Amino acid sequence: MKRRFALKAASFALASAGLLSLSSGALAADTIKVGILHSLSGTMAISETVLKDVALMTIDEINAKGGVMGKKLEPVVVDPASNWPLFAEKARQLISQDKVAVVFGCWTSVSRKSVLPVFKELNSLLFYPVQYEGEELEKNVFYTGAAPNQQAIPAVEYLMSKDGGSAKRFVLLGTDYVYPRTTNKILRAFLKSKGVADADIMEEYTPFGHSDYQTIIANIKKFASAGKKTAVISTINGDSNVPFYKELGNQGLKATDVPVVAFSVGEEELRGVDTKPLVGHLAAWNYFMSLKNPTNDEFIKKWAAYAKAKNLPGHKDKPLTNDPMEATYIGINMWKQAVEKAKSTDTDKVIAAMAGQSFKAPSGFTVKMDEKNHHLHKPVFVGEVKADGQFRVVWKTPGPVRAQPWSPFIAGNDKKKDVPEGK
């Protein structure tokens, strides 16, 4: 009798374990996993860490409102550590092992190029939240940052205008990788179309993590002494921006003499810099924290509360928002809308449902995902650095601008279709 009872108890225990395992599996199925792929260490952590944080804030906000299709979002965060091949490994891990439905991430174009083959092979979705060089249109990517005609071209047009100082000579200064080099190839062609001679263009690149800008700033001053109004177009990325701007201040290169317009410097990158000597230097983005409208007020308020609650370093005392944070926030919310429209997280169904999605953005404009080209229609702003590290808008477009993934200033692009391959 004892033996029989023991056998029954053992079989009951096994059955219970099975039920428990089924129960935990069912619980797992009640969430939708989403990947966050940003550098939390290395040279790009200065820019990317906050994108991880704003993604988590957005996910919390969505979950508090009932999740997506009645399921909570479960974030899976990885750190590719500013190591470009590691981005591809981490992307594969997120998709194949963690079974995420979508990935929000990357900053540099070299990291995006690294992961593209993985997303294509596994037919998964990447939402990319940073301005970039264009010359790309992928079925598996939605680009919520700016294409060149939504940032670089308008900024240089502003510098050449009377209001922008009527610049005649240009220094193209960037970090040595695909985004700065391709953007500057486009800008050279654009400047040439405006009658700027090659002799009036200086082009220079520095490696990631570069910190000694003494000689480069001295060379810029020498180049600017030729008598024509000179401007610097900076595509420096990551933590190199801190020593670059410090050296600008050290050598007294003021905006009234040689204005610098940056495409990768926002409120976050200026956090560790004395901005008083930089007053009047410029940045071009699709959003600034200083924009006054109810949607932005609410966005800043939510971020400040989240940063304080989570005790985020730097932000708990001085919460800052910036353009890629806004683009991350837009992308996650648009993906949610598309999933609910498609009634599925299936990649191809979500891609179809993303076409034409709109969202009231903190910029104050309703932005729209283009029906065909996987890019947002976005407003463009040029802002001047203020003494407090914020930006005063000095120029803006009347409304959102449709992205041109293939620049008209690159030969042969007129023959390329404005639709991703594979669609």
Protein backbone atom coordinates (compact mmCIF):
# COMPACT_ATOMS: atom_id res chain seq x y z
CA MET A 1 0.00 0.00 0.00
CA LYS A 2 2.80 2.36 0.93
CA ARG A 3 4.60 1.55 -2.30
CA ARG A 4 1.46 2.18 -4.39
CA PHE A 5 0.83 5.46 -2.60
CA ALA A 6 4.43 6.58 -3.25
CA LEU A 7 4.08 5.77 -6.96
CA LYS A 8 0.81 7.74 -7.15
CA ALA A 9 2.42 10.69 -5.35
CA ALA A 10 5.39 10.61 -7.74
CA SER A 11 3.14 10.50 -10.81
CA PHE A 12 1.06 13.37 -9.37
CA ALA A 13 4.25 15.39 -8.80
CA LEU A 14 5.36 14.77 -12.38
CA ALA A 15 1.94 15.79 -13.68
CA SER A 16 2.04 18.92 -11.56
CA ALA A 17 5.49 19.76 -12.91
CA GLY A 18 4.15 19.30 -16.41
CA LEU A 19 1.22 21.57 -15.66
CA LEU A 20 3.54 24.13 -14.14
CA SER A 21 5.74 24.01 -17.21
CA LEU A 22 2.69 24.41 -19.47
CA SER A 23 1.50 27.27 -17.28
CA SER A 24 4.84 29.11 -17.49
CA GLY A 25 4.87 28.56 -21.27
CA ALA A 26 1.37 30.01 -21.52
CA LEU A 27 2.45 32.94 -19.40
CA ALA A 28 5.39 33.55 -21.75
CA ALA A 29 2.96 33.51 -24.67
CA ASP A 30 1.00 36.28 -22.94
CA THR A 31 3.83 38.75 -23.59
CA ILE A 32 5.31 40.09 -26.80
CA LYS A 33 9.09 40.27 -26.64
CA VAL A 34 10.76 43.32 -28.22
CA GLY A 35 14.51 43.79 -28.65
CA ILE A 36 16.54 46.88 -27.71
CA LEU A 37 19.91 46.95 -29.48
CA HIS A 38 21.99 49.92 -28.33
CA SER A 39 25.59 50.47 -27.19
CA LEU A 40 25.59 50.86 -23.42
CA SER A 41 29.40 50.92 -23.29
CA GLY A 42 32.21 52.11 -25.57
CA THR A 43 32.50 55.28 -27.65
CA MET A 44 28.80 55.43 -28.63
CA ALA A 45 27.36 54.96 -25.13
CA ILE A 46 27.25 58.77 -24.70
CA SER A 47 24.53 58.88 -27.37
CA GLU A 48 22.88 55.45 -27.27
CA THR A 49 22.30 54.71 -23.58
CA VAL A 50 19.49 57.26 -23.37
CA LEU A 51 17.75 55.62 -26.37
CA LYS A 52 17.59 52.37 -24.42
CA ASP A 53 16.07 54.29 -21.52
CA VAL A 54 13.45 56.12 -23.59
CA ALA A 55 12.52 52.82 -25.27
CA LEU A 56 11.92 51.28 -21.84
CA MET A 57 9.87 54.33 -20.83
CA THR A 58 7.72 53.98 -23.96
CA ILE A 59 7.22 50.27 -23.35
CA ASP A 60 6.16 50.96 -19.75
CA GLU A 61 3.72 53.58 -21.00
CA ILE A 62 2.20 51.18 -23.55
CA ASN A 63 1.96 48.40 -20.94
CA ALA A 64 0.23 50.75 -18.48
CA LYS A 65 -2.43 51.36 -21.13
CA GLY A 66 -3.09 47.66 -21.69
CA GLY A 67 -0.18 46.61 -23.86
CA VAL A 68 -0.53 45.54 -27.50
CA MET A 69 -3.50 43.36 -28.49
CA GLY A 70 -4.05 42.74 -24.77
CA LYS A 71 -0.48 41.49 -24.24
CA LYS A 72 2.26 43.20 -22.28
CA LEU A 73 5.49 44.09 -24.08
CA GLU A 74 8.57 42.40 -22.63
CA PRO A 75 11.82 44.25 -23.45
CA VAL A 76 15.01 42.28 -24.07
CA VAL A 77 18.01 44.61 -23.73
CA VAL A 78 21.47 43.73 -25.10
CA ASP A 79 24.73 45.71 -25.23
CA PRO A 80 26.72 45.46 -28.49
CA ALA A 81 29.31 47.74 -26.81
CA SER A 82 30.13 50.00 -29.83
CA ASN A 83 31.52 46.85 -31.51
CA TRP A 84 30.13 46.74 -35.05
CA PRO A 85 30.39 42.94 -35.71
CA LEU A 86 28.90 42.32 -32.25
CA PHE A 87 25.77 44.20 -33.37
CA ALA A 88 25.10 41.42 -35.89
CA GLU A 89 25.67 38.69 -33.27
CA LYS A 90 23.36 40.40 -30.78
CA ALA A 91 20.69 40.94 -33.46
CA ARG A 92 20.76 37.24 -34.32
CA GLN A 93 20.52 36.36 -30.62
CA LEU A 94 17.49 38.64 -30.17
CA ILE A 95 15.65 37.22 -33.18
CA SER A 96 16.62 33.51 -33.08
CA GLN A 97 17.07 32.82 -29.36
CA ASP A 98 14.99 35.46 -27.58
CA LYS A 99 12.26 35.31 -30.25
CA VAL A 100 11.58 39.05 -30.29
CA ALA A 101 8.86 40.36 -32.61
CA VAL A 102 10.78 43.55 -33.50
CA VAL A 103 14.08 45.30 -32.69
CA PHE A 104 14.55 48.99 -31.89
CA GLY A 105 18.15 50.03 -32.17
CA CYS A 106 21.49 50.96 -33.75
CA TRP A 107 22.93 54.48 -34.03
CA THR A 108 25.88 54.47 -36.42
CA SER A 109 25.37 53.45 -40.02
CA VAL A 110 28.19 50.92 -39.69
CA SER A 111 26.19 49.16 -36.95
CA ARG A 112 23.06 49.27 -39.11
CA LYS A 113 24.96 47.89 -42.12
CA SER A 114 26.33 45.14 -39.85
CA VAL A 115 22.85 43.91 -38.83
CA LEU A 116 21.07 44.26 -42.19
CA PRO A 117 21.96 40.77 -43.50
CA VAL A 118 20.62 39.23 -40.28
CA PHE A 119 17.26 41.01 -40.50
CA LYS A 120 16.93 40.08 -44.18
CA GLU A 121 17.90 36.44 -43.64
CA LEU A 122 15.55 35.97 -40.67
CA ASN A 123 12.84 38.30 -42.05
CA SER A 124 12.61 40.38 -38.89
CA LEU A 125 12.01 44.10 -38.34
CA LEU A 126 14.43 46.86 -37.30
CA PHE A 127 13.30 50.37 -36.37
CA TYR A 128 16.29 52.70 -36.85
CA PRO A 129 15.95 56.04 -34.98
CA VAL A 130 18.88 58.18 -36.15
CA GLN A 131 19.60 60.55 -39.04
CA TYR A 132 21.69 58.83 -41.72
CA GLU A 133 23.24 59.14 -45.18
CA GLY A 134 20.41 57.59 -47.20
CA GLU A 135 21.40 55.50 -50.23
CA GLU A 136 19.52 52.58 -48.72
CA LEU A 137 15.97 51.26 -48.74
CA GLU A 138 15.34 47.91 -47.08
CA LYS A 139 12.13 45.94 -46.68
CA ASN A 140 13.08 44.94 -43.11
CA VAL A 141 13.93 48.44 -41.84
CA PHE A 142 11.80 51.46 -40.92
CA TYR A 143 13.86 54.65 -40.77
CA THR A 144 12.46 57.08 -38.20
CA GLY A 145 15.48 59.43 -38.33
CA ALA A 146 16.22 61.91 -41.13
CA ALA A 147 17.39 61.25 -44.67
CA PRO A 148 19.88 63.84 -46.07
CA ASN A 149 17.11 66.01 -47.59
CA GLN A 150 15.53 66.23 -44.10
CA GLN A 151 18.69 67.46 -42.35
CA ALA A 152 22.03 67.85 -44.17
CA ILE A 153 20.85 69.62 -47.34
CA PRO A 154 18.51 72.11 -45.59
CA ALA A 155 21.24 72.93 -43.04
CA VAL A 156 23.80 73.76 -45.74
CA GLU A 157 21.20 75.76 -47.68
CA TYR A 158 20.66 77.76 -44.48
CA LEU A 159 24.43 78.39 -44.09
CA MET A 160 24.57 79.65 -47.68
CA SER A 161 21.58 81.97 -47.18
CA LYS A 162 21.84 85.57 -46.03
CA ASP A 163 20.23 84.68 -42.68
CA GLY A 164 22.78 81.88 -42.19
CA GLY A 165 25.80 84.10 -42.91
CA SER A 166 26.25 83.58 -46.69
CA ALA A 167 28.99 80.92 -46.34
CA LYS A 168 31.24 80.45 -49.38
CA ARG A 169 33.85 77.95 -48.07
CA PHE A 170 33.08 74.70 -46.26
CA VAL A 171 34.91 72.31 -43.96
CA LEU A 172 33.46 68.78 -44.04
CA LEU A 173 34.65 67.25 -40.77
CA GLY A 174 33.54 63.79 -39.73
CA THR A 175 34.23 60.48 -38.02
CA ASP A 176 35.77 58.02 -40.45
CA TYR A 177 32.94 55.66 -41.41
CA VAL A 178 30.08 55.28 -43.87
CA TYR A 179 27.64 57.97 -42.61
CA PRO A 180 30.02 60.97 -42.69
CA ARG A 181 31.75 59.88 -45.91
CA THR A 182 28.50 59.26 -47.83
CA THR A 183 26.83 62.41 -46.44
CA ASN A 184 29.87 64.46 -47.48
CA LYS A 185 29.85 62.86 -50.94
CA ILE A 186 26.26 64.10 -51.28
CA LEU A 187 27.15 67.54 -49.87
CA ARG A 188 30.14 67.92 -52.22
CA ALA A 189 27.87 67.23 -55.19
CA PHE A 190 25.25 69.64 -53.79
CA LEU A 191 27.85 72.39 -53.21
CA LYS A 192 29.24 71.86 -56.72
CA SER A 193 25.70 72.30 -58.11
CA LYS A 194 25.65 75.66 -56.28
CA GLY A 195 28.93 76.77 -57.88
CA VAL A 196 31.29 76.07 -54.94
CA ALA A 197 34.77 75.12 -56.22
CA ASP A 198 36.70 72.10 -54.89
CA ALA A 199 39.37 74.50 -53.60
CA ASP A 200 36.74 75.97 -51.29
CA ILE A 201 35.99 72.62 -49.66
CA MET A 202 38.22 71.08 -46.97
CA GLU A 203 37.42 67.49 -45.99
CA GLU A 204 38.87 65.65 -42.98
CA TYR A 205 38.07 62.52 -40.94
CA THR A 206 39.05 61.23 -37.51
CA PRO A 207 38.65 57.73 -36.02
CA PHE A 208 35.98 56.80 -33.48
CA GLY A 209 37.00 57.94 -30.01
CA HIS A 210 39.40 60.60 -31.34
CA SER A 211 40.24 63.19 -28.67
CA ASP A 212 42.97 65.57 -29.90
CA TYR A 213 41.46 68.30 -32.09
CA GLN A 214 44.17 70.97 -31.59
CA THR A 215 45.77 70.62 -35.02
CA ILE A 216 42.46 70.20 -36.83
CA ILE A 217 40.97 73.38 -35.29
CA ALA A 218 44.19 75.25 -36.13
CA ASN A 219 43.91 74.04 -39.75
CA ILE A 220 40.27 75.15 -39.90
CA LYS A 221 41.28 78.63 -38.70
CA LYS A 222 43.97 78.76 -41.39
CA PHE A 223 41.49 77.60 -44.08
CA ALA A 224 39.01 80.25 -42.93
CA SER A 225 41.59 83.04 -43.19
CA ALA A 226 41.33 83.15 -46.99
CA GLY A 227 38.81 85.98 -46.86
CA LYS A 228 35.62 84.09 -47.78
CA LYS A 229 32.98 83.29 -45.16
CA THR A 230 33.67 79.72 -43.94
CA ALA A 231 31.42 77.22 -42.16
CA VAL A 232 32.11 73.78 -40.66
CA ILE A 233 29.73 70.89 -41.30
CA SER A 234 30.32 68.33 -38.56
CA THR A 235 29.44 64.65 -38.82
CA ILE A 236 31.58 63.75 -35.80
CA ASN A 237 29.86 61.00 -33.82
CA GLY A 238 29.99 59.74 -30.26
CA ASP A 239 32.18 60.92 -27.40
CA SER A 240 34.65 62.69 -29.75
CA ASN A 241 32.21 65.59 -29.79
CA VAL A 242 33.19 66.56 -26.24
CA PRO A 243 36.91 67.23 -26.97
CA PHE A 244 35.99 68.78 -30.35
CA TYR A 245 33.70 71.39 -28.80
CA LYS A 246 36.08 71.97 -25.91
CA GLU A 247 38.87 72.71 -28.39
CA LEU A 248 36.61 75.08 -30.34
CA GLY A 249 36.21 77.01 -27.09
CA ASN A 250 39.91 76.78 -26.21
CA GLN A 251 40.98 78.27 -29.55
CA GLY A 252 38.26 80.91 -29.49
CA LEU A 253 36.64 79.81 -32.74
CA LYS A 254 33.33 81.63 -32.35
CA ALA A 255 30.15 81.14 -34.31
CA THR A 256 30.39 84.72 -35.60
CA ASP A 257 33.74 83.81 -37.23
CA VAL A 258 33.29 80.21 -38.37
CA PRO A 259 29.88 78.68 -37.54
CA VAL A 260 29.75 74.92 -36.99
CA VAL A 261 26.58 73.05 -37.91
CA ALA A 262 26.39 69.53 -36.45
CA PHE A 263 24.20 66.61 -37.50
CA SER A 264 25.00 64.29 -34.58
CA VAL A 265 25.15 66.72 -31.66
CA GLY A 266 22.10 67.41 -29.58
CA GLU A 267 21.22 68.22 -26.01
CA GLU A 268 22.69 64.96 -24.67
CA GLU A 269 26.11 65.33 -26.33
CA LEU A 270 26.45 68.91 -25.00
CA ARG A 271 25.72 67.79 -21.43
CA GLY A 272 29.43 67.50 -20.52
CA VAL A 273 30.59 70.65 -22.31
CA ASP A 274 30.87 74.29 -21.22
CA THR A 275 28.48 75.68 -23.83
CA LYS A 276 29.06 79.38 -23.12
CA PRO A 277 31.91 79.65 -25.71
CA LEU A 278 29.74 77.71 -28.20
CA VAL A 279 26.78 80.09 -28.26
CA GLY A 280 25.59 80.59 -31.84
CA HIS A 281 27.02 77.34 -33.24
CA LEU A 282 24.32 75.28 -34.91
CA ALA A 283 22.70 71.87 -35.12
CA ALA A 284 20.12 70.61 -37.59
CA TRP A 285 17.51 68.12 -36.39
CA ASN A 286 13.83 67.24 -36.70
CA TYR A 287 13.20 67.95 -33.02
CA PHE A 288 14.64 70.09 -30.20
CA MET A 289 13.78 69.91 -26.51
CA SER A 290 13.18 73.69 -26.55
CA LEU A 291 10.18 73.44 -28.93
CA LYS A 292 7.09 74.89 -27.28
CA ASN A 293 3.90 72.91 -27.80
CA PRO A 294 1.58 70.80 -25.59
CA THR A 295 2.77 67.43 -27.02
CA ASN A 296 6.41 68.24 -26.28
CA ASP A 297 5.56 69.59 -22.83
CA GLU A 298 3.90 66.24 -22.05
CA PHE A 299 6.84 64.25 -23.51
CA ILE A 300 9.40 66.17 -21.42
CA LYS A 301 7.24 65.83 -18.31
CA LYS A 302 6.91 62.04 -18.79
CA TRP A 303 10.65 61.67 -19.38
CA ALA A 304 11.55 63.75 -16.31
CA ALA A 305 9.24 61.64 -14.11
CA TYR A 306 10.62 58.38 -15.55
CA ALA A 307 14.25 59.48 -15.14
CA LYS A 308 13.63 60.43 -11.52
CA ALA A 309 11.72 57.25 -10.73
CA LYS A 310 14.44 55.06 -12.29
CA ASN A 311 17.26 57.14 -10.78
CA LEU A 312 18.92 57.51 -14.21
CA PRO A 313 22.45 58.97 -13.97
CA GLY A 314 22.48 62.60 -15.09
CA HIS A 315 18.84 62.64 -16.13
CA LYS A 316 17.36 62.33 -12.64
CA ASP A 317 18.76 65.81 -11.89
CA LYS A 318 18.85 67.29 -15.40
CA PRO A 319 16.42 65.42 -17.69
CA LEU A 320 17.15 66.13 -21.36
CA THR A 321 15.31 65.04 -24.49
CA ASN A 322 16.70 65.01 -28.03
CA ASP A 323 15.91 64.10 -31.63
CA PRO A 324 16.82 60.36 -31.62
CA MET A 325 14.82 59.96 -28.40
CA GLU A 326 11.79 61.43 -30.17
CA ALA A 327 12.40 59.16 -33.18
CA THR A 328 12.60 56.12 -30.87
CA TYR A 329 9.34 57.14 -29.16
CA ILE A 330 7.60 57.63 -32.51
CA GLY A 331 8.88 54.31 -33.89
CA ILE A 332 7.70 52.19 -30.96
CA ASN A 333 4.27 53.82 -30.94
CA MET A 334 3.88 53.45 -34.71
CA TRP A 335 4.88 49.77 -34.51
CA LYS A 336 2.20 49.28 -31.82
CA GLN A 337 -0.40 50.93 -34.08
CA ALA A 338 0.64 48.77 -37.03
CA VAL A 339 0.50 45.52 -34.99
CA GLU A 340 -3.01 46.40 -33.82
CA LYS A 341 -4.07 47.24 -37.36
CA ALA A 342 -2.58 43.96 -38.67
CA LYS A 343 -3.88 42.04 -35.63
CA SER A 344 -0.53 40.25 -35.77
CA THR A 345 3.19 40.66 -35.04
CA ASP A 346 4.02 38.81 -38.28
CA THR A 347 6.75 40.79 -40.05
CA ASP A 348 5.11 40.98 -43.48
CA LYS A 349 1.71 41.90 -42.04
CA VAL A 350 3.22 44.63 -39.86
CA ILE A 351 5.21 46.02 -42.82
CA ALA A 352 1.97 46.33 -44.81
CA ALA A 353 0.17 47.96 -41.86
CA MET A 354 3.00 50.51 -41.29
CA ALA A 355 2.27 52.26 -44.60
CA GLY A 356 0.64 55.62 -43.90
CA GLN A 357 0.73 55.31 -40.09
CA SER A 358 0.67 58.74 -38.43
CA PHE A 359 1.54 59.97 -34.95
CA LYS A 360 1.34 63.33 -33.16
CA ALA A 361 5.02 63.87 -32.42
CA PRO A 362 6.70 65.99 -29.72
CA SER A 363 7.98 68.21 -32.54
CA GLY A 364 4.43 69.57 -32.64
CA PHE A 365 3.71 68.07 -36.05
CA THR A 366 1.80 64.96 -37.03
CA VAL A 367 4.45 62.81 -38.71
CA LYS A 368 3.56 60.11 -41.22
CA MET A 369 5.25 56.93 -42.38
CA ASP A 370 5.46 57.16 -46.14
CA GLU A 371 3.15 54.74 -47.95
CA LYS A 372 6.08 53.37 -49.96
CA ASN A 373 9.60 54.22 -48.82
CA HIS A 374 9.72 53.23 -45.11
CA HIS A 375 10.79 56.76 -44.06
CA LEU A 376 8.92 59.35 -42.02
CA HIS A 377 7.70 62.69 -43.34
CA LYS A 378 9.40 65.02 -40.81
CA PRO A 379 9.80 68.76 -40.14
CA VAL A 380 13.35 70.22 -40.22
CA PHE A 381 14.76 72.70 -37.69
CA VAL A 382 18.08 74.52 -37.47
CA GLY A 383 18.91 75.61 -33.92
CA GLU A 384 21.61 77.78 -32.33
CA VAL A 385 23.38 76.60 -29.18
CA LYS A 386 22.39 78.66 -26.14
CA ALA A 387 24.50 79.19 -23.00
CA ASP A 388 22.40 76.61 -21.11
CA GLY A 389 23.05 73.85 -23.69
CA GLN A 390 19.60 74.14 -25.25
CA PHE A 391 18.87 75.29 -28.82
CA ARG A 392 17.07 78.35 -30.14
CA VAL A 393 15.33 77.57 -33.44
CA VAL A 394 16.52 80.00 -36.12
CA TRP A 395 15.01 78.30 -39.17
CA LYS A 396 12.37 75.65 -39.85
CA THR A 397 10.37 74.14 -42.69
CA PRO A 398 6.66 75.08 -42.87
CA GLY A 399 5.71 71.44 -42.27
CA PRO A 400 6.87 67.82 -42.62
CA VAL A 401 9.20 67.01 -45.54
CA ARG A 402 8.99 63.72 -47.45
CA ALA A 403 12.26 61.78 -47.29
CA GLN A 404 14.38 61.09 -50.37
CA PRO A 405 16.29 57.88 -49.57
CA TRP A 406 18.14 58.15 -52.90
CA SER A 407 19.79 61.57 -53.12
CA PRO A 408 19.22 63.41 -56.43
CA PHE A 409 22.83 64.66 -56.13
CA ILE A 410 24.25 61.13 -56.61
CA ALA A 411 24.55 60.05 -60.25
CA GLY A 412 22.21 57.24 -61.28
CA ASN A 413 19.77 57.65 -58.39
CA ASP A 414 17.06 58.94 -60.73
CA LYS A 415 16.73 55.36 -61.99
CA LYS A 416 16.25 53.86 -58.51
CA LYS A 417 12.74 53.06 -57.29
CA ASP A 418 11.41 54.59 -54.09
CA VAL A 419 10.19 51.19 -52.88
CA PRO A 420 12.18 48.68 -50.80
CA GLU A 421 13.48 45.59 -52.57
CA GLY A 422 11.49 42.46 -51.84
CA LYS A 423 8.15 44.22 -51.49
